[in-house]
Each structure stands twice: as C-alpha cells, then as structure tokens.
N, C-alpha and C. Protein backbone atom coordinates (compact mmCIF):
# COMPACT_ATOMS: atom_id res chain seq x y z
N MET A 1 33.04 37.27 -27.27
CA MET A 1 32.55 37.00 -27.15
C MET A 1 31.55 35.54 -28.06
N TYR A 2 32.43 35.11 -29.05
CA TYR A 2 31.77 34.15 -30.00
C TYR A 2 32.59 32.62 -29.25
N ARG A 3 33.60 33.15 -28.82
CA ARG A 3 34.03 32.53 -28.16
C ARG A 3 33.65 31.97 -27.21
N THR A 4 32.55 32.54 -26.21
CA THR A 4 32.00 32.25 -25.28
C THR A 4 30.53 31.89 -25.04
N LEU A 5 29.65 31.94 -26.65
CA LEU A 5 29.08 31.56 -26.93
C LEU A 5 29.44 30.20 -27.61
N TYR A 6 30.59 30.25 -28.20
CA TYR A 6 30.65 28.07 -28.83
C TYR A 6 30.75 27.74 -27.30
N LEU A 7 31.64 27.83 -26.02
CA LEU A 7 31.43 26.71 -25.30
C LEU A 7 29.29 26.39 -25.15
N ILE A 8 29.54 27.59 -24.43
CA ILE A 8 27.52 27.41 -24.37
C ILE A 8 27.27 26.65 -24.83
N ILE A 9 27.40 26.62 -26.58
CA ILE A 9 26.96 25.11 -26.88
C ILE A 9 27.22 24.68 -27.27
N LEU A 10 29.13 23.72 -26.95
CA LEU A 10 29.29 22.74 -26.42
C LEU A 10 28.42 22.27 -24.96
N MET A 11 28.15 22.86 -23.83
CA MET A 11 28.06 22.69 -23.33
C MET A 11 26.50 22.03 -22.71
N VAL A 12 25.29 23.03 -23.56
CA VAL A 12 24.13 22.32 -23.40
C VAL A 12 24.41 20.82 -23.45
N PRO A 13 24.36 20.24 -24.50
CA PRO A 13 24.05 19.22 -24.08
C PRO A 13 24.57 18.21 -23.89
N VAL A 14 26.18 18.11 -22.95
CA VAL A 14 26.72 17.50 -21.97
C VAL A 14 25.96 18.13 -20.32
N PHE A 15 25.38 18.93 -20.77
CA PHE A 15 24.55 18.42 -19.18
C PHE A 15 23.40 17.64 -19.71
N PHE A 16 22.49 17.88 -20.81
CA PHE A 16 21.26 17.33 -20.97
C PHE A 16 21.65 15.13 -20.81
N ALA A 17 22.67 15.51 -21.89
CA ALA A 17 23.66 13.49 -21.11
C ALA A 17 22.76 13.64 -20.15
N SER A 18 24.16 14.13 -19.31
CA SER A 18 24.19 13.96 -17.78
C SER A 18 23.36 13.58 -17.36
N SER A 19 22.54 14.89 -16.93
CA SER A 19 20.98 15.03 -16.39
C SER A 19 19.54 13.54 -16.48
N ALA A 20 19.91 13.65 -18.54
CA ALA A 20 19.20 12.22 -18.22
C ALA A 20 19.59 10.55 -18.07
N ALA A 21 20.61 10.55 -18.28
CA ALA A 21 21.07 9.57 -17.18
C ALA A 21 20.98 9.14 -15.67
N PHE A 22 21.66 11.00 -14.73
CA PHE A 22 21.11 10.55 -13.47
C PHE A 22 19.15 9.87 -13.36
N ALA A 23 17.80 10.69 -13.99
CA ALA A 23 17.20 10.21 -13.92
C ALA A 23 16.48 9.51 -14.26
N GLN A 24 17.89 8.39 -15.16
CA GLN A 24 17.79 7.04 -15.45
C GLN A 24 18.04 5.48 -14.15
N SER A 25 18.98 6.42 -14.02
CA SER A 25 19.49 5.37 -12.75
C SER A 25 18.84 5.73 -11.52
N ASP A 26 17.99 6.48 -11.40
CA ASP A 26 17.23 7.04 -10.18
C ASP A 26 15.65 6.16 -10.92
N GLN A 27 15.40 6.29 -11.48
CA GLN A 27 14.35 5.21 -12.03
C GLN A 27 14.46 3.26 -12.28
N THR A 28 15.81 3.32 -11.61
CA THR A 28 16.04 1.87 -11.78
C THR A 28 16.35 1.73 -10.62
N ARG A 29 16.97 1.77 -9.46
CA ARG A 29 16.25 1.50 -8.33
C ARG A 29 15.48 1.35 -7.51
N ALA A 30 15.84 -0.38 -7.06
CA ALA A 30 15.40 -0.77 -7.00
C ALA A 30 14.33 0.07 -5.34
N SER A 31 12.88 -0.50 -4.74
CA SER A 31 12.40 -0.25 -4.01
C SER A 31 11.90 -1.14 -2.63
N VAL A 32 11.97 -1.08 -1.12
CA VAL A 32 11.41 -1.40 -0.07
C VAL A 32 10.46 -1.26 -0.34
N ILE A 33 9.62 -2.22 0.68
CA ILE A 33 8.23 -2.67 0.63
C ILE A 33 8.49 -3.03 2.30
N LYS A 34 8.18 -2.11 3.18
CA LYS A 34 7.50 -2.16 4.48
C LYS A 34 6.75 -3.57 4.24
N ILE A 35 5.92 -4.39 5.05
CA ILE A 35 5.08 -5.27 5.88
C ILE A 35 4.39 -4.93 6.47
N GLU A 36 3.54 -4.74 6.61
CA GLU A 36 2.13 -4.66 8.31
C GLU A 36 2.81 -6.56 8.57
N GLY A 37 2.81 -6.46 10.53
CA GLY A 37 2.35 -7.41 10.39
C GLY A 37 3.19 -8.11 11.82
N THR A 38 2.53 -9.49 12.54
CA THR A 38 4.37 -9.95 13.19
C THR A 38 5.94 -10.00 14.15
N GLY A 39 5.94 -9.66 12.84
CA GLY A 39 7.32 -9.87 12.00
C GLY A 39 7.93 -11.06 12.00
N GLN A 40 6.62 -12.62 11.14
CA GLN A 40 7.70 -13.51 11.58
C GLN A 40 6.86 -13.37 10.03
N PHE A 41 7.31 -14.93 8.81
CA PHE A 41 6.79 -15.21 7.68
C PHE A 41 5.20 -15.64 7.93
N SER A 42 4.38 -15.74 7.68
CA SER A 42 3.34 -15.87 7.33
C SER A 42 3.65 -17.64 6.83
N ARG A 43 2.57 -17.68 6.76
CA ARG A 43 1.72 -19.35 7.23
C ARG A 43 1.60 -19.83 5.20
N THR A 44 1.24 -18.41 4.55
CA THR A 44 1.49 -18.80 3.70
C THR A 44 1.97 -18.24 2.65
N ASP A 45 3.09 -17.19 3.42
CA ASP A 45 3.77 -17.09 2.58
C ASP A 45 5.81 -17.71 2.61
N THR A 46 5.37 -18.79 3.43
CA THR A 46 5.84 -19.85 3.68
C THR A 46 5.92 -21.69 3.02
N GLU A 47 4.74 -21.10 2.73
CA GLU A 47 4.22 -22.12 2.54
C GLU A 47 4.13 -22.20 0.26
N ARG A 48 4.68 -20.20 -0.21
CA ARG A 48 4.19 -20.97 -1.58
C ARG A 48 5.67 -20.81 -1.56
N SER A 49 7.02 -20.03 -0.57
CA SER A 49 8.42 -20.20 -0.72
C SER A 49 8.58 -21.67 -1.06
N VAL A 50 7.55 -23.20 -0.10
CA VAL A 50 8.23 -24.07 -0.48
C VAL A 50 7.86 -24.75 -1.16
N SER A 51 6.75 -24.11 -2.17
CA SER A 51 6.21 -24.41 -2.77
C SER A 51 6.96 -24.54 -4.26
N SER A 52 7.38 -22.99 -3.95
CA SER A 52 7.72 -22.97 -5.03
C SER A 52 10.05 -23.65 -4.89
N ASN A 53 9.64 -24.84 -4.82
CA ASN A 53 11.28 -24.78 -3.87
C ASN A 53 12.18 -23.49 -3.83
N GLN A 54 11.82 -22.70 -2.92
CA GLN A 54 12.25 -21.60 -2.40
C GLN A 54 12.59 -22.44 -1.03
N GLN A 55 14.40 -22.27 0.39
CA GLN A 55 13.29 -21.90 0.91
C GLN A 55 13.71 -21.28 2.31
N VAL A 56 13.48 -21.06 3.16
CA VAL A 56 12.72 -19.45 4.17
C VAL A 56 14.76 -20.57 4.65
N THR A 57 15.42 -18.95 4.77
CA THR A 57 16.90 -19.05 5.15
C THR A 57 17.41 -18.32 6.29
N VAL A 58 17.64 -18.69 7.24
CA VAL A 58 17.89 -18.19 8.62
C VAL A 58 18.84 -17.44 9.11
N ALA A 59 19.64 -15.96 8.92
CA ALA A 59 21.07 -15.59 9.73
C ALA A 59 20.91 -15.34 11.07
N ASP A 60 21.62 -14.51 10.66
CA ASP A 60 22.53 -13.82 11.73
C ASP A 60 21.83 -12.03 12.43
N GLY A 61 19.80 -12.29 12.96
CA GLY A 61 19.78 -12.01 13.09
C GLY A 61 18.49 -11.65 12.31
N PHE A 62 18.30 -12.15 11.41
CA PHE A 62 17.13 -12.16 10.38
C PHE A 62 16.64 -13.37 9.16
N SER A 63 16.35 -13.50 8.73
CA SER A 63 15.73 -14.47 7.53
C SER A 63 15.22 -13.92 6.70
N TYR A 64 15.08 -14.22 6.31
CA TYR A 64 14.82 -14.26 3.67
C TYR A 64 14.36 -15.65 3.25
N TYR A 65 13.97 -15.10 2.40
CA TYR A 65 13.73 -15.47 1.11
C TYR A 65 13.11 -14.68 -0.61
N THR A 66 13.24 -15.61 -1.12
CA THR A 66 13.15 -15.44 -1.94
C THR A 66 11.86 -15.32 -3.28
N SER A 67 10.95 -15.19 -4.28
CA SER A 67 10.09 -14.58 -5.37
C SER A 67 11.17 -14.37 -6.83
N THR A 68 10.58 -14.38 -7.90
CA THR A 68 10.72 -14.00 -8.64
C THR A 68 10.18 -12.84 -8.67
N GLY A 69 9.86 -12.07 -7.67
CA GLY A 69 9.30 -10.53 -7.80
C GLY A 69 10.20 -10.22 -7.16
N GLY A 70 10.84 -10.69 -5.89
CA GLY A 70 12.45 -10.24 -5.31
C GLY A 70 12.57 -10.57 -3.84
N ILE A 71 13.37 -10.31 -2.68
CA ILE A 71 13.42 -10.73 -1.78
C ILE A 71 12.49 -10.12 -0.65
N TYR A 72 12.25 -11.44 0.35
CA TYR A 72 11.57 -10.57 1.81
C TYR A 72 12.73 -10.78 2.44
N LEU A 73 12.58 -9.80 3.40
CA LEU A 73 13.33 -10.39 4.74
C LEU A 73 12.39 -9.93 6.14
N VAL A 74 12.83 -10.12 6.99
CA VAL A 74 11.83 -10.30 8.48
C VAL A 74 13.55 -10.00 9.41
N PHE A 75 13.13 -8.92 9.84
CA PHE A 75 14.84 -8.51 11.14
C PHE A 75 14.11 -8.58 12.81
N THR A 76 14.69 -9.30 13.38
CA THR A 76 14.25 -8.94 14.98
C THR A 76 14.85 -8.08 15.32
N LYS A 77 16.06 -7.58 14.79
CA LYS A 77 16.99 -6.14 15.62
C LYS A 77 16.32 -5.20 15.15
N PRO A 78 16.97 -4.43 15.67
CA PRO A 78 16.38 -2.73 15.04
C PRO A 78 17.52 -2.41 14.49
N ASN A 79 17.66 -0.97 13.57
CA ASN A 79 18.67 -0.54 13.16
C ASN A 79 19.48 -2.35 11.88
N ASN A 80 19.40 -1.92 11.49
CA ASN A 80 20.49 -2.88 10.50
C ASN A 80 20.95 -1.92 8.81
N ASN A 81 22.55 -2.26 8.89
CA ASN A 81 22.91 -2.68 8.18
C ASN A 81 22.77 -3.10 6.44
N VAL A 82 21.97 -2.31 5.23
CA VAL A 82 21.41 -4.04 4.17
C VAL A 82 21.41 -3.04 2.60
N ARG A 83 22.32 -3.55 2.43
CA ARG A 83 22.96 -3.39 0.83
C ARG A 83 22.19 -4.72 -0.37
N LEU A 84 21.97 -4.33 -0.75
CA LEU A 84 21.79 -5.31 -1.99
C LEU A 84 22.98 -4.88 -3.59
N PHE A 85 23.57 -5.91 -4.10
CA PHE A 85 24.05 -6.09 -5.32
C PHE A 85 23.48 -6.20 -6.14
N ALA A 86 24.11 -5.92 -7.22
CA ALA A 86 23.77 -7.17 -8.83
C ALA A 86 25.07 -8.50 -8.58
N LEU A 87 25.29 -9.34 -9.68
CA LEU A 87 26.32 -9.78 -10.15
C LEU A 87 27.71 -9.17 -10.00
N THR A 88 27.41 -7.63 -11.45
CA THR A 88 28.37 -6.88 -11.21
C THR A 88 29.03 -6.31 -10.50
N GLY A 89 28.41 -6.39 -9.08
CA GLY A 89 29.18 -5.91 -8.43
C GLY A 89 28.51 -4.20 -8.03
N GLN A 90 26.73 -3.71 -9.00
CA GLN A 90 27.16 -2.37 -9.04
C GLN A 90 26.16 -3.11 -7.15
N LEU A 91 25.66 -0.70 -7.12
CA LEU A 91 24.91 -1.35 -5.41
C LEU A 91 22.88 -1.45 -5.97
N ILE A 92 22.29 -1.81 -6.26
CA ILE A 92 20.92 -1.75 -6.88
C ILE A 92 20.42 -1.46 -5.23
N TRP A 93 20.43 -1.18 -3.87
CA TRP A 93 19.64 -0.49 -2.80
C TRP A 93 20.66 -0.24 -1.72
N GLY A 94 20.54 0.51 -0.86
CA GLY A 94 21.46 0.01 0.40
C GLY A 94 21.02 1.16 1.15
N GLY A 95 20.60 0.87 2.14
CA GLY A 95 20.11 2.16 3.62
C GLY A 95 20.19 0.90 5.40
N GLU A 96 19.57 2.08 5.48
CA GLU A 96 19.03 1.23 6.85
C GLU A 96 17.60 0.77 7.65
N LEU A 97 17.61 -0.47 7.94
CA LEU A 97 16.14 -0.96 7.66
C LEU A 97 15.72 -1.43 9.42
N VAL A 98 14.76 -1.28 10.17
CA VAL A 98 14.89 -1.14 11.71
C VAL A 98 14.30 -3.15 12.13
N SER A 99 13.30 -3.41 13.15
CA SER A 99 12.82 -4.94 13.39
C SER A 99 11.79 -4.45 11.96
N GLY A 100 11.60 -5.81 11.41
CA GLY A 100 9.34 -6.13 11.08
C GLY A 100 10.19 -6.20 9.61
N ARG A 101 9.47 -6.48 8.70
CA ARG A 101 9.08 -7.39 7.55
C ARG A 101 9.66 -6.42 6.86
N PHE A 102 10.06 -7.01 5.47
CA PHE A 102 10.35 -5.92 4.40
C PHE A 102 10.23 -6.81 3.05
N PHE A 103 9.98 -6.20 1.86
CA PHE A 103 9.95 -7.32 0.58
C PHE A 103 11.07 -6.00 0.04
N ILE A 104 12.45 -6.30 -0.76
CA ILE A 104 13.04 -5.56 -1.47
C ILE A 104 12.74 -5.73 -2.71
N GLN A 105 11.85 -4.76 -3.72
CA GLN A 105 11.63 -5.19 -5.48
C GLN A 105 12.99 -5.48 -6.16
N THR A 106 12.83 -6.85 -6.59
CA THR A 106 13.60 -7.39 -7.68
C THR A 106 13.21 -7.38 -9.06
N GLY A 107 13.96 -8.45 -10.42
CA GLY A 107 13.98 -8.70 -10.99
C GLY A 107 14.61 -10.48 -10.65
N GLU A 108 14.22 -11.53 -11.69
CA GLU A 108 15.05 -12.57 -11.02
C GLU A 108 16.54 -12.32 -12.18
N GLY A 109 17.01 -12.87 -10.82
CA GLY A 109 18.76 -12.97 -11.49
C GLY A 109 19.46 -13.57 -10.10
N ILE A 110 20.20 -13.81 -10.19
CA ILE A 110 21.34 -13.82 -8.76
C ILE A 110 22.15 -12.76 -8.38
N TYR A 111 21.90 -11.72 -7.28
CA TYR A 111 22.14 -11.26 -6.22
C TYR A 111 23.37 -11.56 -4.69
N PHE A 112 23.43 -10.57 -4.72
CA PHE A 112 24.90 -9.70 -2.94
C PHE A 112 24.37 -9.19 -1.60
N LEU A 113 23.54 -10.48 -1.42
CA LEU A 113 22.91 -9.35 0.21
C LEU A 113 24.04 -9.27 1.10
N ARG A 114 23.74 -7.48 1.95
CA ARG A 114 24.92 -7.98 2.59
C ARG A 114 24.71 -7.01 3.47
N VAL A 115 23.51 -7.28 5.11
CA VAL A 115 23.28 -7.71 6.36
C VAL A 115 24.11 -6.99 7.01
N ASN A 116 24.81 -5.62 7.52
CA ASN A 116 25.09 -6.31 9.07
C ASN A 116 26.58 -6.80 8.85
N ASN A 117 27.44 -6.55 7.10
CA ASN A 117 29.02 -6.89 7.27
C ASN A 117 28.63 -8.04 6.98
N LYS A 118 28.01 -9.11 6.68
CA LYS A 118 28.06 -10.33 5.96
C LYS A 118 27.70 -9.96 4.78
N SER A 119 28.20 -11.28 4.00
CA SER A 119 27.34 -11.46 2.26
C SER A 119 26.18 -12.83 2.77
N TYR A 120 25.19 -12.91 1.38
CA TYR A 120 24.50 -13.65 1.86
C TYR A 120 24.73 -13.76 0.02
N LYS A 121 24.44 -15.11 -0.54
CA LYS A 121 24.16 -14.95 -2.40
C LYS A 121 22.74 -14.97 -2.33
N VAL A 122 22.02 -14.16 -2.97
CA VAL A 122 20.97 -14.41 -3.15
C VAL A 122 20.17 -14.71 -5.03
N SER A 123 19.49 -15.76 -4.84
CA SER A 123 19.09 -16.26 -6.14
C SER A 123 17.29 -16.43 -6.15
N CYS A 124 17.21 -14.88 -7.46
CA CYS A 124 15.80 -15.19 -7.58
C CYS A 124 15.18 -15.51 -8.61
N LYS A 125 14.39 -16.65 -8.86
CA LYS A 125 14.02 -17.82 -9.45
C LYS A 125 12.74 -17.68 -9.70
C-alpha cells in the first residue's frame, strides 16, 4: 500500500510538469490569418514593403514578402502545403492553405518557409 502511494506521489509532479510544457508550446505556436481581398498584394502593402527595403518575392504558384511582424503570402493555386521552420529546425507552423492572402505572425528573425516541397529562406526584419 505504501509502495502504491509512493509511486503516486512521484508521478504527480511529472504529470503537471509535462502538461505545463504542452500548454506552453501551444501558446508559442504561430497564428495564420486569412486576409480578405482580391488575392493580390494591395498597392499600400507593396509600397510599405518596398519602403522598408523588403521586396515582394514571386515563387512557383505564390508570392510573399516579410515585415517585422511576420510573413505575407498570396497563393494562386488551391491546396498548398506550407511549413514554417525556425533557424534551429523547429517547426513553427504547418498546414494546408487554400488560394488567397494570408499572414503568418512571427517575430523578427530568419526562417525557412517550405511550400509544396520547395524551401525558401525568409528574413523578417
């Protein structure tokens, strides 16, 4: 009986520590926002990106540019497999995005953006 009680006492801190770590990792997950619009960068978005020395990059089936707050993406094709990795290789966000405009909220830094099995180095500054 004491042995069972002893094991329960040892397992409780381990359980709470693992659930706290899971909750913390869920809070740091990047969010993706769909931007309603025509599916192209608006004039103000483009002017803002060029004025901050950020260029709109046109890739295979999509285009993107960065800001200090994150990455703006425009997809012309439906069903795009998107993954965003930190410089350390940690997956920050991954999922399927349809055609349209999206914003992935990140912080300043260097990231690897993988879209439909092609990788791009992205710098948010």
